[in-house]
């Protein structure tokens, strides 16, 4: 693993885990319709975070471009999760915003 990618890779995996946990918890909520967008973005964000981490681990030439996209998806997911008062959504929102920040640094 390359040192310059270390913090971003860690943030991506932490965010993916937070998104997985949030999606699973959202599925247990009473009003699933209200949580639909949150669940969808959680799943998309978890996927792109894992993919970005893999690309960075492989020192791929496409890692920067993927980090740029990952930052966008994390930002959207963080904003959506931030709309909900559930603790799992708030934790996910924080992880998403932190990951977006790390990915923007890598994409610069």
N, C-alpha and C. Protein backbone atom coordinates (compact mmCIF):
# COMPACT_ATOMS: atom_id res chain seq x y z
N UNK A 1 0.85 -1.18 0.00
CA UNK A 1 0.00 0.00 0.00
C UNK A 1 0.90 1.25 0.00
N UNK A 2 0.62 2.16 -0.86
CA UNK A 2 1.42 3.36 -0.96
C UNK A 2 1.04 4.35 0.14
N UNK A 3 2.06 4.98 0.73
CA UNK A 3 1.82 5.88 1.85
C UNK A 3 0.91 7.04 1.52
N UNK A 4 1.03 7.60 0.31
CA UNK A 4 0.21 8.76 -0.02
C UNK A 4 -1.28 8.42 -0.09
N UNK A 5 -1.59 7.16 -0.29
CA UNK A 5 -2.98 6.72 -0.37
C UNK A 5 -3.55 6.24 0.97
N UNK A 6 -2.67 6.04 1.95
CA UNK A 6 -3.05 5.37 3.20
C UNK A 6 -4.29 5.96 3.87
N UNK A 7 -4.30 7.26 4.13
CA UNK A 7 -5.44 7.89 4.82
C UNK A 7 -6.72 7.79 4.01
N UNK A 8 -6.59 7.95 2.72
CA UNK A 8 -7.78 7.89 1.87
C UNK A 8 -8.34 6.47 1.81
N UNK A 9 -7.47 5.49 1.70
CA UNK A 9 -7.91 4.10 1.68
C UNK A 9 -8.64 3.76 2.98
N UNK A 10 -8.05 4.16 4.11
CA UNK A 10 -8.69 3.91 5.40
C UNK A 10 -10.05 4.59 5.49
N UNK A 11 -10.14 5.84 5.03
CA UNK A 11 -11.41 6.57 5.05
C UNK A 11 -12.45 5.89 4.17
N UNK A 12 -12.00 5.38 3.02
CA UNK A 12 -12.92 4.70 2.11
C UNK A 12 -13.50 3.45 2.75
N UNK A 13 -12.66 2.65 3.39
CA UNK A 13 -13.16 1.43 4.02
C UNK A 13 -14.05 1.74 5.23
N UNK A 14 -13.69 2.75 6.01
CA UNK A 14 -14.53 3.15 7.14
C UNK A 14 -15.89 3.65 6.65
N UNK A 15 -15.88 4.41 5.57
CA UNK A 15 -17.12 4.93 5.01
C UNK A 15 -17.98 3.79 4.46
N UNK A 16 -17.36 2.86 3.76
CA UNK A 16 -18.11 1.72 3.21
C UNK A 16 -18.80 0.94 4.33
N UNK A 17 -18.09 0.74 5.43
CA UNK A 17 -18.67 0.02 6.57
C UNK A 17 -19.82 0.82 7.19
N UNK A 18 -19.62 2.12 7.34
CA UNK A 18 -20.69 2.97 7.89
C UNK A 18 -21.92 2.95 6.99
N UNK A 19 -21.69 2.97 5.68
CA UNK A 19 -22.81 2.92 4.73
C UNK A 19 -23.54 1.58 4.80
N UNK A 20 -22.79 0.50 4.89
CA UNK A 20 -23.41 -0.83 5.04
C UNK A 20 -24.28 -0.88 6.29
N UNK A 21 -23.73 -0.39 7.40
CA UNK A 21 -24.46 -0.39 8.67
C UNK A 21 -25.71 0.49 8.59
N UNK A 22 -25.57 1.63 7.95
CA UNK A 22 -26.70 2.55 7.83
C UNK A 22 -27.81 1.93 6.98
N UNK A 23 -27.44 1.35 5.85
CA UNK A 23 -28.44 0.73 4.98
C UNK A 23 -29.18 -0.39 5.72
N UNK A 24 -28.43 -1.22 6.42
CA UNK A 24 -29.05 -2.33 7.16
C UNK A 24 -29.98 -1.80 8.25
N UNK A 25 -29.56 -0.76 8.94
CA UNK A 25 -30.40 -0.18 9.99
C UNK A 25 -31.62 0.52 9.41
N UNK A 26 -31.45 1.18 8.27
CA UNK A 26 -32.58 1.86 7.61
C UNK A 26 -33.65 0.85 7.21
N UNK A 27 -33.23 -0.34 6.82
CA UNK A 27 -34.19 -1.36 6.43
C UNK A 27 -35.05 -1.83 7.60
N UNK A 28 -34.61 -1.55 8.81
CA UNK A 28 -35.36 -1.91 10.01
C UNK A 28 -36.31 -0.80 10.46
N UNK A 29 -36.21 0.37 9.84
CA UNK A 29 -37.06 1.50 10.22
C UNK A 29 -38.50 1.25 9.78
N UNK A 30 -39.44 1.88 10.47
CA UNK A 30 -40.86 1.70 10.17
C UNK A 30 -41.26 2.27 8.82
N UNK A 31 -40.76 3.45 8.49
CA UNK A 31 -41.14 4.13 7.25
C UNK A 31 -40.07 3.92 6.18
N UNK A 32 -40.12 2.78 5.52
CA UNK A 32 -39.12 2.46 4.50
C UNK A 32 -39.14 3.44 3.34
N UNK A 33 -40.31 3.93 2.98
CA UNK A 33 -40.41 4.87 1.86
C UNK A 33 -39.58 6.12 2.14
N UNK A 34 -39.62 6.59 3.37
CA UNK A 34 -38.86 7.78 3.75
C UNK A 34 -37.35 7.52 3.67
N UNK A 35 -36.95 6.26 3.84
CA UNK A 35 -35.53 5.91 3.88
C UNK A 35 -35.01 5.42 2.52
N UNK A 36 -35.87 5.36 1.53
CA UNK A 36 -35.50 4.77 0.23
C UNK A 36 -34.23 5.40 -0.37
N UNK A 37 -34.18 6.72 -0.46
CA UNK A 37 -33.03 7.40 -1.06
C UNK A 37 -31.77 7.18 -0.23
N UNK A 38 -31.93 7.19 1.07
CA UNK A 38 -30.80 6.96 1.97
C UNK A 38 -30.20 5.57 1.74
N UNK A 39 -31.06 4.58 1.67
CA UNK A 39 -30.60 3.20 1.45
C UNK A 39 -29.91 3.07 0.11
N UNK A 40 -30.50 3.65 -0.93
CA UNK A 40 -29.92 3.58 -2.28
C UNK A 40 -28.53 4.22 -2.31
N UNK A 41 -28.42 5.41 -1.74
CA UNK A 41 -27.13 6.10 -1.73
C UNK A 41 -26.12 5.38 -0.84
N UNK A 42 -26.57 4.80 0.27
CA UNK A 42 -25.67 4.01 1.13
C UNK A 42 -25.03 2.88 0.33
N UNK A 43 -25.84 2.17 -0.44
CA UNK A 43 -25.32 1.03 -1.21
C UNK A 43 -24.36 1.50 -2.30
N UNK A 44 -24.72 2.58 -2.99
CA UNK A 44 -23.85 3.10 -4.04
C UNK A 44 -22.54 3.62 -3.46
N UNK A 45 -22.64 4.31 -2.35
CA UNK A 45 -21.45 4.87 -1.72
C UNK A 45 -20.52 3.77 -1.22
N UNK A 46 -21.07 2.75 -0.59
CA UNK A 46 -20.24 1.64 -0.12
C UNK A 46 -19.49 0.99 -1.28
N UNK A 47 -20.18 0.81 -2.39
CA UNK A 47 -19.56 0.19 -3.56
C UNK A 47 -18.43 1.04 -4.13
N UNK A 48 -18.67 2.33 -4.31
CA UNK A 48 -17.65 3.19 -4.92
C UNK A 48 -16.47 3.37 -3.97
N UNK A 49 -16.73 3.39 -2.67
CA UNK A 49 -15.63 3.51 -1.70
C UNK A 49 -14.71 2.30 -1.76
N UNK A 50 -15.30 1.11 -1.82
CA UNK A 50 -14.47 -0.10 -1.91
C UNK A 50 -13.68 -0.13 -3.22
N UNK A 51 -14.32 0.26 -4.29
CA UNK A 51 -13.64 0.27 -5.59
C UNK A 51 -12.50 1.28 -5.60
N UNK A 52 -12.74 2.46 -5.07
CA UNK A 52 -11.68 3.48 -5.02
C UNK A 52 -10.51 2.98 -4.18
N UNK A 53 -10.79 2.35 -3.05
CA UNK A 53 -9.72 1.82 -2.20
C UNK A 53 -8.92 0.76 -2.94
N UNK A 54 -9.60 -0.10 -3.68
CA UNK A 54 -8.90 -1.13 -4.46
C UNK A 54 -8.01 -0.50 -5.52
N UNK A 55 -8.51 0.51 -6.21
CA UNK A 55 -7.72 1.17 -7.25
C UNK A 55 -6.49 1.84 -6.65
N UNK A 56 -6.64 2.46 -5.48
CA UNK A 56 -5.49 3.09 -4.84
C UNK A 56 -4.49 2.03 -4.38
N UNK A 57 -4.97 0.93 -3.84
CA UNK A 57 -4.09 -0.15 -3.40
C UNK A 57 -3.28 -0.70 -4.56
N UNK A 58 -3.90 -0.74 -5.73
CA UNK A 58 -3.24 -1.24 -6.93
C UNK A 58 -2.42 -0.16 -7.64
N UNK A 59 -2.40 1.05 -7.08
CA UNK A 59 -1.68 2.17 -7.68
C UNK A 59 -2.12 2.39 -9.14
N UNK A 60 -3.40 2.28 -9.37
CA UNK A 60 -3.96 2.40 -10.72
C UNK A 60 -3.85 3.83 -11.25
N UNK A 61 -3.62 3.94 -12.54
CA UNK A 61 -3.61 5.25 -13.19
C UNK A 61 -4.97 5.93 -13.11
N UNK A 62 -6.01 5.17 -12.89
CA UNK A 62 -7.37 5.71 -12.81
C UNK A 62 -7.79 6.05 -11.39
N UNK A 63 -6.91 5.88 -10.42
CA UNK A 63 -7.27 6.10 -9.02
C UNK A 63 -7.73 7.53 -8.77
N UNK A 64 -7.05 8.51 -9.35
CA UNK A 64 -7.44 9.90 -9.12
C UNK A 64 -8.84 10.19 -9.64
N UNK A 65 -9.13 9.72 -10.85
CA UNK A 65 -10.45 9.94 -11.44
C UNK A 65 -11.53 9.26 -10.60
N UNK A 66 -11.23 8.06 -10.13
CA UNK A 66 -12.20 7.34 -9.32
C UNK A 66 -12.40 8.02 -7.97
N UNK A 67 -11.33 8.57 -7.41
CA UNK A 67 -11.45 9.30 -6.15
C UNK A 67 -12.32 10.55 -6.32
N UNK A 68 -12.22 11.19 -7.47
CA UNK A 68 -13.05 12.35 -7.76
C UNK A 68 -14.53 11.95 -7.74
N UNK A 69 -14.85 10.85 -8.41
CA UNK A 69 -16.23 10.35 -8.44
C UNK A 69 -16.66 9.90 -7.04
N UNK A 70 -15.78 9.24 -6.34
CA UNK A 70 -16.09 8.77 -4.98
C UNK A 70 -16.43 9.95 -4.08
N UNK A 71 -15.68 11.04 -4.21
CA UNK A 71 -15.95 12.23 -3.40
C UNK A 71 -17.36 12.77 -3.67
N UNK A 72 -17.76 12.76 -4.93
CA UNK A 72 -19.11 13.24 -5.30
C UNK A 72 -20.19 12.36 -4.68
N UNK A 73 -20.02 11.05 -4.80
CA UNK A 73 -21.02 10.12 -4.26
C UNK A 73 -21.06 10.21 -2.74
N UNK A 74 -19.90 10.29 -2.11
CA UNK A 74 -19.85 10.42 -0.65
C UNK A 74 -20.54 11.70 -0.19
N UNK A 75 -20.33 12.78 -0.92
CA UNK A 75 -20.96 14.05 -0.57
C UNK A 75 -22.48 13.93 -0.62
N UNK A 76 -22.99 13.33 -1.71
CA UNK A 76 -24.44 13.14 -1.85
C UNK A 76 -25.00 12.26 -0.74
N UNK A 77 -24.31 11.17 -0.47
CA UNK A 77 -24.76 10.25 0.57
C UNK A 77 -24.73 10.93 1.94
N UNK A 78 -23.66 11.65 2.21
CA UNK A 78 -23.55 12.36 3.48
C UNK A 78 -24.65 13.38 3.68
N UNK A 79 -25.00 14.08 2.60
CA UNK A 79 -26.07 15.07 2.69
C UNK A 79 -27.42 14.39 2.94
N UNK A 80 -27.67 13.28 2.24
CA UNK A 80 -28.94 12.57 2.43
C UNK A 80 -29.04 11.99 3.84
N UNK A 81 -27.99 11.33 4.28
CA UNK A 81 -28.01 10.74 5.63
C UNK A 81 -28.16 11.82 6.69
N UNK A 82 -27.56 12.98 6.44
CA UNK A 82 -27.63 14.08 7.39
C UNK A 82 -29.04 14.62 7.60
N UNK A 83 -29.94 14.32 6.68
CA UNK A 83 -31.34 14.76 6.79
C UNK A 83 -32.11 13.97 7.84
N UNK A 84 -31.60 12.81 8.21
CA UNK A 84 -32.31 11.91 9.11
C UNK A 84 -31.70 11.98 10.51
N UNK A 85 -32.54 11.91 11.52
CA UNK A 85 -32.08 12.04 12.90
C UNK A 85 -31.55 10.74 13.50
N UNK A 86 -31.75 9.63 12.83
CA UNK A 86 -31.29 8.34 13.36
C UNK A 86 -29.78 8.39 13.57
N UNK A 87 -29.33 7.80 14.66
CA UNK A 87 -27.90 7.80 14.98
C UNK A 87 -27.08 7.14 13.87
N UNK A 88 -27.59 6.05 13.30
CA UNK A 88 -26.84 5.37 12.24
C UNK A 88 -26.69 6.28 11.01
N UNK A 89 -27.69 7.08 10.73
CA UNK A 89 -27.60 8.02 9.60
C UNK A 89 -26.60 9.14 9.90
N UNK A 90 -26.60 9.63 11.12
CA UNK A 90 -25.67 10.70 11.50
C UNK A 90 -24.22 10.21 11.47
N UNK A 91 -23.99 8.99 11.95
CA UNK A 91 -22.64 8.41 11.89
C UNK A 91 -22.20 8.24 10.44
N UNK A 92 -23.10 7.77 9.61
CA UNK A 92 -22.80 7.57 8.20
C UNK A 92 -22.50 8.91 7.53
N UNK A 93 -23.28 9.91 7.84
CA UNK A 93 -23.07 11.24 7.27
C UNK A 93 -21.67 11.75 7.59
N UNK A 94 -21.25 11.60 8.83
CA UNK A 94 -19.91 12.04 9.22
C UNK A 94 -18.82 11.27 8.47
N UNK A 95 -18.99 9.96 8.37
CA UNK A 95 -18.00 9.14 7.65
C UNK A 95 -17.95 9.52 6.18
N UNK A 96 -19.10 9.78 5.59
CA UNK A 96 -19.15 10.17 4.18
C UNK A 96 -18.44 11.50 3.93
N UNK A 97 -18.69 12.47 4.79
CA UNK A 97 -18.06 13.78 4.61
C UNK A 97 -16.54 13.70 4.80
N UNK A 98 -16.11 12.88 5.76
CA UNK A 98 -14.67 12.70 5.96
C UNK A 98 -14.04 12.02 4.75
N UNK A 99 -14.69 11.00 4.23
CA UNK A 99 -14.18 10.29 3.07
C UNK A 99 -14.16 11.21 1.85
N UNK A 100 -15.20 12.00 1.67
CA UNK A 100 -15.25 12.93 0.54
C UNK A 100 -14.06 13.89 0.60
N UNK A 101 -13.74 14.36 1.80
CA UNK A 101 -12.61 15.27 1.97
C UNK A 101 -11.30 14.58 1.59
N UNK A 102 -11.10 13.36 2.07
CA UNK A 102 -9.88 12.61 1.74
C UNK A 102 -9.78 12.33 0.24
N UNK A 103 -10.91 11.97 -0.36
CA UNK A 103 -10.91 11.66 -1.80
C UNK A 103 -10.63 12.91 -2.63
N UNK A 104 -11.16 14.06 -2.20
CA UNK A 104 -10.87 15.30 -2.92
C UNK A 104 -9.38 15.61 -2.88
N UNK A 105 -8.74 15.35 -1.74
CA UNK A 105 -7.29 15.56 -1.63
C UNK A 105 -6.54 14.66 -2.61
N UNK A 106 -6.98 13.41 -2.71
CA UNK A 106 -6.31 12.47 -3.62
C UNK A 106 -6.55 12.84 -5.08
N UNK A 107 -7.70 13.41 -5.37
CA UNK A 107 -8.05 13.73 -6.76
C UNK A 107 -7.38 15.03 -7.23
N UNK A 108 -6.86 15.80 -6.29
CA UNK A 108 -6.26 17.11 -6.64
C UNK A 108 -4.95 16.95 -7.38
